[in-house]
């Protein structure tokens, strides 16, 4: 599935923009971890790339997902289906 973030006005595109916006606010290491995770990279591979333990990747991802959920809730996000799909995993 290809999404054109510049010309598409659909709900999924708007949600993708919001997710991108919130991810861009993360610290660089947290941003790298979540982007690798979204690419279905294993915790072990992420740990090797970032230089931390797989357990630390797990802990950081849990905290990042909580942070993103709280960010969505704080902004009174009405379009939460994409958030729930991505962040609950």
PDB file of N, CA and C in Angstrom:
ATOM      1  N   UNK A   1       0.840  -1.183   0.000  1.00  0.00           N
ATOM      2  CA  UNK A   1       0.000   0.000   0.000  1.00  0.00           C
ATOM      3  C   UNK A   1       0.877   1.235   0.000  1.00  0.00           C
ATOM      4  N   UNK A   2       0.617   2.132  -0.917  1.00  0.00           N
ATOM      5  CA  UNK A   2       1.373   3.366  -1.020  1.00  0.00           C
ATOM      6  C   UNK A   2       0.477   4.522  -0.588  1.00  0.00           C
ATOM      7  N   UNK A   3       1.011   5.371   0.261  1.00  0.00           N
ATOM      8  CA  UNK A   3       0.267   6.543   0.720  1.00  0.00           C
ATOM      9  C   UNK A   3       1.013   7.785   0.268  1.00  0.00           C
ATOM     10  N   UNK A   4       0.329   8.662  -0.429  1.00  0.00           N
ATOM     11  CA  UNK A   4       0.901   9.930  -0.856  1.00  0.00           C
ATOM     12  C   UNK A   4       0.530  10.971   0.200  1.00  0.00           C
ATOM     13  N   UNK A   5       1.466  11.261   1.093  1.00  0.00           N
ATOM     14  CA  UNK A   5       1.179  12.165   2.205  1.00  0.00           C
ATOM     15  C   UNK A   5       0.955  13.606   1.760  1.00  0.00           C
ATOM     16  N   UNK A   6       1.302  13.935   0.526  1.00  0.00           N
ATOM     17  CA  UNK A   6       1.165  15.307   0.063  1.00  0.00           C
ATOM     18  C   UNK A   6      -0.179  15.588  -0.596  1.00  0.00           C
ATOM     19  N   UNK A   7      -0.755  14.594  -1.251  1.00  0.00           N
ATOM     20  CA  UNK A   7      -1.978  14.845  -2.018  1.00  0.00           C
ATOM     21  C   UNK A   7      -3.199  14.102  -1.516  1.00  0.00           C
ATOM     22  N   UNK A   8      -3.029  13.085  -0.732  1.00  0.00           N
ATOM     23  CA  UNK A   8      -4.155  12.282  -0.266  1.00  0.00           C
ATOM     24  C   UNK A   8      -4.775  12.916   0.973  1.00  0.00           C
ATOM     25  N   UNK A   9      -6.088  13.048   0.973  1.00  0.00           N
ATOM     26  CA  UNK A   9      -6.794  13.678   2.092  1.00  0.00           C
ATOM     27  C   UNK A   9      -7.611  12.679   2.897  1.00  0.00           C
ATOM     28  N   UNK A  10      -7.373  11.389   2.712  1.00  0.00           N
ATOM     29  CA  UNK A  10      -8.164  10.385   3.407  1.00  0.00           C
ATOM     30  C   UNK A  10      -7.836  10.345   4.897  1.00  0.00           C
ATOM     31  N   UNK A  11      -8.683   9.663   5.631  1.00  0.00           N
ATOM     32  CA  UNK A  11      -8.521   9.547   7.085  1.00  0.00           C
ATOM     33  C   UNK A  11      -7.211   8.837   7.444  1.00  0.00           C
ATOM     34  N   UNK A  12      -6.877   7.763   6.719  1.00  0.00           N
ATOM     35  CA  UNK A  12      -5.638   7.036   6.995  1.00  0.00           C
ATOM     36  C   UNK A  12      -4.417   7.907   6.769  1.00  0.00           C
ATOM     37  N   UNK A  13      -4.457   8.743   5.739  1.00  0.00           N
ATOM     38  CA  UNK A  13      -3.333   9.630   5.472  1.00  0.00           C
ATOM     39  C   UNK A  13      -3.196  10.656   6.595  1.00  0.00           C
ATOM     40  N   UNK A  14      -4.300  11.173   7.064  1.00  0.00           N
ATOM     41  CA  UNK A  14      -4.255  12.138   8.172  1.00  0.00           C
ATOM     42  C   UNK A  14      -3.695  11.476   9.424  1.00  0.00           C
ATOM     43  N   UNK A  15      -4.096  10.249   9.686  1.00  0.00           N
ATOM     44  CA  UNK A  15      -3.580   9.532  10.848  1.00  0.00           C
ATOM     45  C   UNK A  15      -2.087   9.260  10.686  1.00  0.00           C
ATOM     46  N   UNK A  16      -1.656   8.924   9.484  1.00  0.00           N
ATOM     47  CA  UNK A  16      -0.235   8.701   9.232  1.00  0.00           C
ATOM     48  C   UNK A  16       0.556   9.987   9.459  1.00  0.00           C
ATOM     49  N   UNK A  17      -0.007  11.114   9.052  1.00  0.00           N
ATOM     50  CA  UNK A  17       0.653  12.411   9.296  1.00  0.00           C
ATOM     51  C   UNK A  17       0.785  12.678  10.801  1.00  0.00           C
ATOM     52  N   UNK A  18      -0.289  12.393  11.543  1.00  0.00           N
ATOM     53  CA  UNK A  18      -0.250  12.625  12.991  1.00  0.00           C
ATOM     54  C   UNK A  18       0.794  11.723  13.647  1.00  0.00           C
ATOM     55  N   UNK A  19       0.847  10.466  13.224  1.00  0.00           N
ATOM     56  CA  UNK A  19       1.827   9.539  13.778  1.00  0.00           C
ATOM     57  C   UNK A  19       3.237  10.015  13.458  1.00  0.00           C
ATOM     58  N   UNK A  20       3.476  10.414  12.219  1.00  0.00           N
ATOM     59  CA  UNK A  20       4.788  10.928  11.816  1.00  0.00           C
ATOM     60  C   UNK A  20       5.150  12.154  12.642  1.00  0.00           C
ATOM     61  N   UNK A  21       4.189  13.033  12.836  1.00  0.00           N
ATOM     62  CA  UNK A  21       4.424  14.242  13.620  1.00  0.00           C
ATOM     63  C   UNK A  21       4.833  13.915  15.054  1.00  0.00           C
ATOM     64  N   UNK A  22       4.145  12.968  15.662  1.00  0.00           N
ATOM     65  CA  UNK A  22       4.461  12.615  17.054  1.00  0.00           C
ATOM     66  C   UNK A  22       5.772  11.853  17.164  1.00  0.00           C
ATOM     67  N   UNK A  23       6.055  10.991  16.206  1.00  0.00           N
ATOM     68  CA  UNK A  23       7.336  10.272  16.218  1.00  0.00           C
ATOM     69  C   UNK A  23       8.486  11.243  16.066  1.00  0.00           C
ATOM     70  N   UNK A  24       8.306  12.277  15.260  1.00  0.00           N
ATOM     71  CA  UNK A  24       9.383  13.251  15.044  1.00  0.00           C
ATOM     72  C   UNK A  24       9.731  14.018  16.321  1.00  0.00           C
ATOM     73  N   UNK A  25       8.837  14.020  17.306  1.00  0.00           N
ATOM     74  CA  UNK A  25       9.098  14.714  18.568  1.00  0.00           C
ATOM     75  C   UNK A  25       9.897  13.869  19.565  1.00  0.00           C
ATOM     76  N   UNK A  26      10.050  12.580  19.276  1.00  0.00           N
ATOM     77  CA  UNK A  26      10.794  11.689  20.173  1.00  0.00           C
ATOM     78  C   UNK A  26      12.283  12.013  20.148  1.00  0.00           C
ATOM     79  N   UNK A  27      12.974  11.571  21.188  1.00  0.00           N
ATOM     80  CA  UNK A  27      14.428  11.681  21.218  1.00  0.00           C
ATOM     81  C   UNK A  27      14.996  10.830  20.080  1.00  0.00           C
ATOM     82  N   UNK A  28      16.161  11.172  19.540  1.00  0.00           N
ATOM     83  CA  UNK A  28      16.705  10.453  18.380  1.00  0.00           C
ATOM     84  C   UNK A  28      16.795   8.931  18.555  1.00  0.00           C
ATOM     85  N   UNK A  29      17.240   8.451  19.705  1.00  0.00           N
ATOM     86  CA  UNK A  29      17.374   6.998  19.910  1.00  0.00           C
ATOM     87  C   UNK A  29      15.989   6.357  19.960  1.00  0.00           C
ATOM     88  N   UNK A  30      15.063   6.987  20.662  1.00  0.00           N
ATOM     89  CA  UNK A  30      13.700   6.454  20.730  1.00  0.00           C
ATOM     90  C   UNK A  30      13.052   6.454  19.348  1.00  0.00           C
ATOM     91  N   UNK A  31      13.292   7.505  18.575  1.00  0.00           N
ATOM     92  CA  UNK A  31      12.760   7.587  17.219  1.00  0.00           C
ATOM     93  C   UNK A  31      13.319   6.446  16.367  1.00  0.00           C
ATOM     94  N   UNK A  32      14.620   6.201  16.473  1.00  0.00           N
ATOM     95  CA  UNK A  32      15.238   5.106  15.711  1.00  0.00           C
ATOM     96  C   UNK A  32      14.638   3.766  16.111  1.00  0.00           C
ATOM     97  N   UNK A  33      14.461   3.558  17.403  1.00  0.00           N
ATOM     98  CA  UNK A  33      13.901   2.290  17.888  1.00  0.00           C
ATOM     99  C   UNK A  33      12.492   2.089  17.350  1.00  0.00           C
ATOM    100  N   UNK A  34      11.644   3.083  17.450  1.00  0.00           N
ATOM    101  CA  UNK A  34      10.254   2.913  17.015  1.00  0.00           C
ATOM    102  C   UNK A  34      10.173   2.755  15.493  1.00  0.00           C
ATOM    103  N   UNK A  35      11.003   3.466  14.754  1.00  0.00           N
ATOM    104  CA  UNK A  35      10.974   3.325  13.300  1.00  0.00           C
ATOM    105  C   UNK A  35      11.460   1.946  12.863  1.00  0.00           C
ATOM    106  N   UNK A  36      12.474   1.431  13.517  1.00  0.00           N
ATOM    107  CA  UNK A  36      12.931   0.070  13.217  1.00  0.00           C
ATOM    108  C   UNK A  36      11.845  -0.944  13.571  1.00  0.00           C
ATOM    109  N   UNK A  37      11.204  -0.746  14.705  1.00  0.00           N
ATOM    110  CA  UNK A  37      10.125  -1.636  15.142  1.00  0.00           C
ATOM    111  C   UNK A  37       8.966  -1.620  14.149  1.00  0.00           C
ATOM    112  N   UNK A  38       8.631  -0.436  13.642  1.00  0.00           N
ATOM    113  CA  UNK A  38       7.558  -0.329  12.660  1.00  0.00           C
ATOM    114  C   UNK A  38       7.916  -1.035  11.349  1.00  0.00           C
ATOM    115  N   UNK A  39       9.194  -1.233  11.118  1.00  0.00           N
ATOM    116  CA  UNK A  39       9.654  -1.977   9.936  1.00  0.00           C
ATOM    117  C   UNK A  39       9.732  -3.479  10.202  1.00  0.00           C
ATOM    118  N   UNK A  40       9.208  -3.919  11.339  1.00  0.00           N
ATOM    119  CA  UNK A  40       9.199  -5.339  11.733  1.00  0.00           C
ATOM    120  C   UNK A  40      10.591  -5.918  11.949  1.00  0.00           C
ATOM    121  N   UNK A  41      11.501  -5.091  12.424  1.00  0.00           N
ATOM    122  CA  UNK A  41      12.836  -5.564  12.786  1.00  0.00           C
ATOM    123  C   UNK A  41      12.726  -6.178  14.185  1.00  0.00           C
ATOM    124  N   UNK A  42      13.392  -7.294  14.402  1.00  0.00           N
ATOM    125  CA  UNK A  42      13.311  -7.975  15.705  1.00  0.00           C
ATOM    126  C   UNK A  42      13.989  -7.152  16.794  1.00  0.00           C
ATOM    127  N   UNK A  43      13.599  -7.423  18.041  1.00  0.00           N
ATOM    128  CA  UNK A  43      14.221  -6.729  19.175  1.00  0.00           C
ATOM    129  C   UNK A  43      15.729  -6.967  19.182  1.00  0.00           C
ATOM    130  N   UNK A  44      16.128  -8.200  18.861  1.00  0.00           N
ATOM    131  CA  UNK A  44      17.554  -8.529  18.846  1.00  0.00           C
ATOM    132  C   UNK A  44      18.291  -7.687  17.802  1.00  0.00           C
ATOM    133  N   UNK A  45      17.711  -7.574  16.601  1.00  0.00           N
ATOM    134  CA  UNK A  45      18.350  -6.787  15.549  1.00  0.00           C
ATOM    135  C   UNK A  45      18.374  -5.296  15.900  1.00  0.00           C
ATOM    136  N   UNK A  46      17.287  -4.806  16.469  1.00  0.00           N
ATOM    137  CA  UNK A  46      17.253  -3.401  16.896  1.00  0.00           C
ATOM    138  C   UNK A  46      18.332  -3.167  17.943  1.00  0.00           C
ATOM    139  N   UNK A  47      18.447  -4.086  18.898  1.00  0.00           N
ATOM    140  CA  UNK A  47      19.460  -3.960  19.952  1.00  0.00           C
ATOM    141  C   UNK A  47      20.858  -3.903  19.360  1.00  0.00           C
ATOM    142  N   UNK A  48      21.113  -4.755  18.379  1.00  0.00           N
ATOM    143  CA  UNK A  48      22.425  -4.773  17.738  1.00  0.00           C
ATOM    144  C   UNK A  48      22.704  -3.461  17.010  1.00  0.00           C
ATOM    145  N   UNK A  49      21.713  -2.954  16.302  1.00  0.00           N
ATOM    146  CA  UNK A  49      21.874  -1.701  15.558  1.00  0.00           C
ATOM    147  C   UNK A  49      22.096  -0.524  16.495  1.00  0.00           C
ATOM    148  N   UNK A  50      21.298  -0.436  17.558  1.00  0.00           N
ATOM    149  CA  UNK A  50      21.335   0.708  18.473  1.00  0.00           C
ATOM    150  C   UNK A  50      22.472   0.586  19.487  1.00  0.00           C
ATOM    151  N   UNK A  51      22.831  -0.651  19.830  1.00  0.00           N
ATOM    152  CA  UNK A  51      23.902  -0.849  20.803  1.00  0.00           C
ATOM    153  C   UNK A  51      23.408  -0.973  22.230  1.00  0.00           C
ATOM    154  N   UNK A  52      22.200  -1.532  22.390  1.00  0.00           N
ATOM    155  CA  UNK A  52      21.640  -1.768  23.720  1.00  0.00           C
ATOM    156  C   UNK A  52      21.173  -3.220  23.773  1.00  0.00           C
ATOM    157  N   UNK A  53      20.733  -3.667  24.928  1.00  0.00           N
ATOM    158  CA  UNK A  53      20.273  -5.054  25.051  1.00  0.00           C
ATOM    159  C   UNK A  53      18.849  -5.203  24.496  1.00  0.00           C
ATOM    160  N   UNK A  54      18.486  -6.416  24.063  1.00  0.00           N
ATOM    161  CA  UNK A  54      17.113  -6.640  23.599  1.00  0.00           C
ATOM    162  C   UNK A  54      16.073  -6.322  24.685  1.00  0.00           C
ATOM    163  N   UNK A  55      16.386  -6.590  25.928  1.00  0.00           N
ATOM    164  CA  UNK A  55      15.477  -6.270  27.038  1.00  0.00           C
ATOM    165  C   UNK A  55      15.256  -4.758  27.121  1.00  0.00           C
ATOM    166  N   UNK A  56      16.342  -4.001  26.923  1.00  0.00           N
ATOM    167  CA  UNK A  56      16.230  -2.547  26.951  1.00  0.00           C
ATOM    168  C   UNK A  56      15.374  -2.059  25.781  1.00  0.00           C
ATOM    169  N   UNK A  57      15.480  -2.708  24.624  1.00  0.00           N
ATOM    170  CA  UNK A  57      14.619  -2.367  23.484  1.00  0.00           C
ATOM    171  C   UNK A  57      13.165  -2.569  23.877  1.00  0.00           C
ATOM    172  N   UNK A  58      12.874  -3.697  24.514  1.00  0.00           N
ATOM    173  CA  UNK A  58      11.510  -4.004  24.953  1.00  0.00           C
ATOM    174  C   UNK A  58      10.985  -2.937  25.907  1.00  0.00           C
ATOM    175  N   UNK A  59      11.789  -2.584  26.878  1.00  0.00           N
ATOM    176  CA  UNK A  59      11.385  -1.582  27.874  1.00  0.00           C
ATOM    177  C   UNK A  59      11.165  -0.228  27.215  1.00  0.00           C
ATOM    178  N   UNK A  60      12.105   0.167  26.352  1.00  0.00           N
ATOM    179  CA  UNK A  60      11.982   1.462  25.671  1.00  0.00           C
ATOM    180  C   UNK A  60      10.735   1.506  24.781  1.00  0.00           C
ATOM    181  N   UNK A  61      10.467   0.417  24.056  1.00  0.00           N
ATOM    182  CA  UNK A  61       9.279   0.399  23.199  1.00  0.00           C
ATOM    183  C   UNK A  61       8.000   0.512  24.018  1.00  0.00           C
ATOM    184  N   UNK A  62       7.966  -0.157  25.151  1.00  0.00           N
ATOM    185  CA  UNK A  62       6.795  -0.039  26.022  1.00  0.00           C
ATOM    186  C   UNK A  62       6.599   1.425  26.428  1.00  0.00           C
ATOM    187  N   UNK A  63       7.667   2.071  26.848  1.00  0.00           N
ATOM    188  CA  UNK A  63       7.578   3.472  27.288  1.00  0.00           C
ATOM    189  C   UNK A  63       7.262   4.413  26.130  1.00  0.00           C
ATOM    190  N   UNK A  64       7.826   4.142  24.955  1.00  0.00           N
ATOM    191  CA  UNK A  64       7.543   4.976  23.785  1.00  0.00           C
ATOM    192  C   UNK A  64       6.075   4.869  23.404  1.00  0.00           C
ATOM    193  N   UNK A  65       5.545   3.646  23.385  1.00  0.00           N
ATOM    194  CA  UNK A  65       4.128   3.465  23.048  1.00  0.00           C
ATOM    195  C   UNK A  65       3.236   4.185  24.056  1.00  0.00           C
ATOM    196  N   UNK A  66       3.588   4.103  25.331  1.00  0.00           N
ATOM    197  CA  UNK A  66       2.825   4.822  26.359  1.00  0.00           C
ATOM    198  C   UNK A  66       2.885   6.327  26.109  1.00  0.00           C
ATOM    199  N   UNK A  67       4.065   6.813  25.796  1.00  0.00           N
ATOM    200  CA  UNK A  67       4.249   8.240  25.537  1.00  0.00           C
ATOM    201  C   UNK A  67       3.409   8.681  24.330  1.00  0.00           C
ATOM    202  N   UNK A  68       3.414   7.886  23.263  1.00  0.00           N
ATOM    203  CA  UNK A  68       2.630   8.229  22.080  1.00  0.00           C
ATOM    204  C   UNK A  68       1.130   8.150  22.355  1.00  0.00           C
ATOM    205  N   UNK A  69       0.705   7.162  23.137  1.00  0.00           N
ATOM    206  CA  UNK A  69      -0.713   7.060  23.512  1.00  0.00           C
ATOM    207  C   UNK A  69      -1.130   8.283  24.321  1.00  0.00           C
ATOM    208  N   UNK A  70      -0.299   8.653  25.294  1.00  0.00           N
ATOM    209  CA  UNK A  70      -0.607   9.816  26.129  1.00  0.00           C
ATOM    210  C   UNK A  70      -0.641  11.085  25.295  1.00  0.00           C
ATOM    211  N   UNK A  71       0.237  11.190  24.331  1.00  0.00           N
ATOM    212  CA  UNK A  71       0.265  12.341  23.442  1.00  0.00           C
ATOM    213  C   UNK A  71      -1.028  12.421  22.642  1.00  0.00           C
ATOM    214  N   UNK A  72      -1.491  11.275  22.153  1.00  0.00           N
ATOM    215  CA  UNK A  72      -2.740  11.243  21.389  1.00  0.00           C
ATOM    216  C   UNK A  72      -3.918  11.609  22.276  1.00  0.00           C
ATOM    217  N   UNK A  73      -3.941  11.096  23.496  1.00  0.00           N
ATOM    218  CA  UNK A  73      -5.034  11.379  24.424  1.00  0.00           C
ATOM    219  C   UNK A  73      -5.034  12.850  24.834  1.00  0.00           C
ATOM    220  N   UNK A  74      -3.855  13.396  25.051  1.00  0.00           N
ATOM    221  CA  UNK A  74      -3.732  14.796  25.453  1.00  0.00           C
ATOM    222  C   UNK A  74      -4.268  15.720  24.373  1.00  0.00           C
ATOM    223  N   UNK A  75      -4.040  15.347  23.121  1.00  0.00           N
ATOM    224  CA  UNK A  75      -4.493  16.177  22.009  1.00  0.00           C
ATOM    225  C   UNK A  75      -5.927  15.871  21.608  1.00  0.00           C
ATOM    226  N   UNK A  76      -6.622  15.073  22.450  1.00  0.00           N
ATOM    227  CA  UNK A  76      -8.035  14.768  22.215  1.00  0.00           C
ATOM    228  C   UNK A  76      -8.253  14.183  20.831  1.00  0.00           C
ATOM    229  N   UNK A  77      -7.439  13.201  20.500  1.00  0.00           N
ATOM    230  CA  UNK A  77      -7.460  12.576  19.185  1.00  0.00           C
ATOM    231  C   UNK A  77      -8.739  11.771  18.978  1.00  0.00           C
ATOM    232  N   UNK A  78      -9.558  12.183  18.027  1.00  0.00           N
ATOM    233  CA  UNK A  78     -10.807  11.488  17.728  1.00  0.00           C
ATOM    234  C   UNK A  78     -10.587  10.321  16.768  1.00  0.00           C
ATOM    235  N   UNK A  79      -9.501  10.342  16.020  1.00  0.00           N
ATOM    236  CA  UNK A  79      -9.211   9.295  15.042  1.00  0.00           C
ATOM    237  C   UNK A  79      -8.204   8.337  15.634  1.00  0.00           C
ATOM    238  N   UNK A  80      -8.609   7.549  16.600  1.00  0.00           N
ATOM    239  CA  UNK A  80      -7.666   6.741  17.348  1.00  0.00           C
ATOM    240  C   UNK A  80      -7.462   5.335  16.807  1.00  0.00           C
ATOM    241  N   UNK A  81      -8.167   4.933  15.771  1.00  0.00           N
ATOM    242  CA  UNK A  81      -8.059   3.546  15.312  1.00  0.00           C
ATOM    243  C   UNK A  81      -6.652   3.196  14.862  1.00  0.00           C
ATOM    244  N   UNK A  82      -5.977   4.064  14.129  1.00  0.00           N
ATOM    245  CA  UNK A  82      -4.605   3.789  13.716  1.00  0.00           C
ATOM    246  C   UNK A  82      -3.695   3.714  14.928  1.00  0.00           C
ATOM    247  N   UNK A  83      -3.899   4.627  15.887  1.00  0.00           N
ATOM    248  CA  UNK A  83      -3.085   4.622  17.112  1.00  0.00           C
ATOM    249  C   UNK A  83      -3.235   3.296  17.835  1.00  0.00           C
ATOM    250  N   UNK A  84      -4.470   2.852  17.991  1.00  0.00           N
ATOM    251  CA  UNK A  84      -4.708   1.605  18.713  1.00  0.00           C
ATOM    252  C   UNK A  84      -4.087   0.428  17.980  1.00  0.00           C
ATOM    253  N   UNK A  85      -4.197   0.411  16.665  1.00  0.00           N
ATOM    254  CA  UNK A  85      -3.645  -0.681  15.877  1.00  0.00           C
ATOM    255  C   UNK A  85      -2.135  -0.743  16.020  1.00  0.00           C
ATOM    256  N   UNK A  86      -1.464   0.378  15.922  1.00  0.00           N
ATOM    257  CA  UNK A  86      -0.009   0.420  15.949  1.00  0.00           C
ATOM    258  C   UNK A  86       0.540   0.286  17.366  1.00  0.00           C
ATOM    259  N   UNK A  87      -0.032   0.995  18.295  1.00  0.00           N
ATOM    260  CA  UNK A  87       0.564   1.094  19.621  1.00  0.00           C
ATOM    261  C   UNK A  87       0.222  -0.042  20.545  1.00  0.00           C
ATOM    262  N   UNK A  88      -0.818  -0.776  20.283  1.00  0.00           N
ATOM    263  CA  UNK A  88      -1.183  -1.885  21.157  1.00  0.00           C
ATOM    264  C   UNK A  88      -0.356  -3.117  20.845  1.00  0.00           C
ATOM    265  N   UNK A  89       0.128  -3.224  19.621  1.00  0.00           N
ATOM    266  CA  UNK A  89       0.879  -4.413  19.184  1.00  0.00           C
ATOM    267  C   UNK A  89       1.982  -4.811  20.128  1.00  0.00           C
TER     268      UNK A  89
END
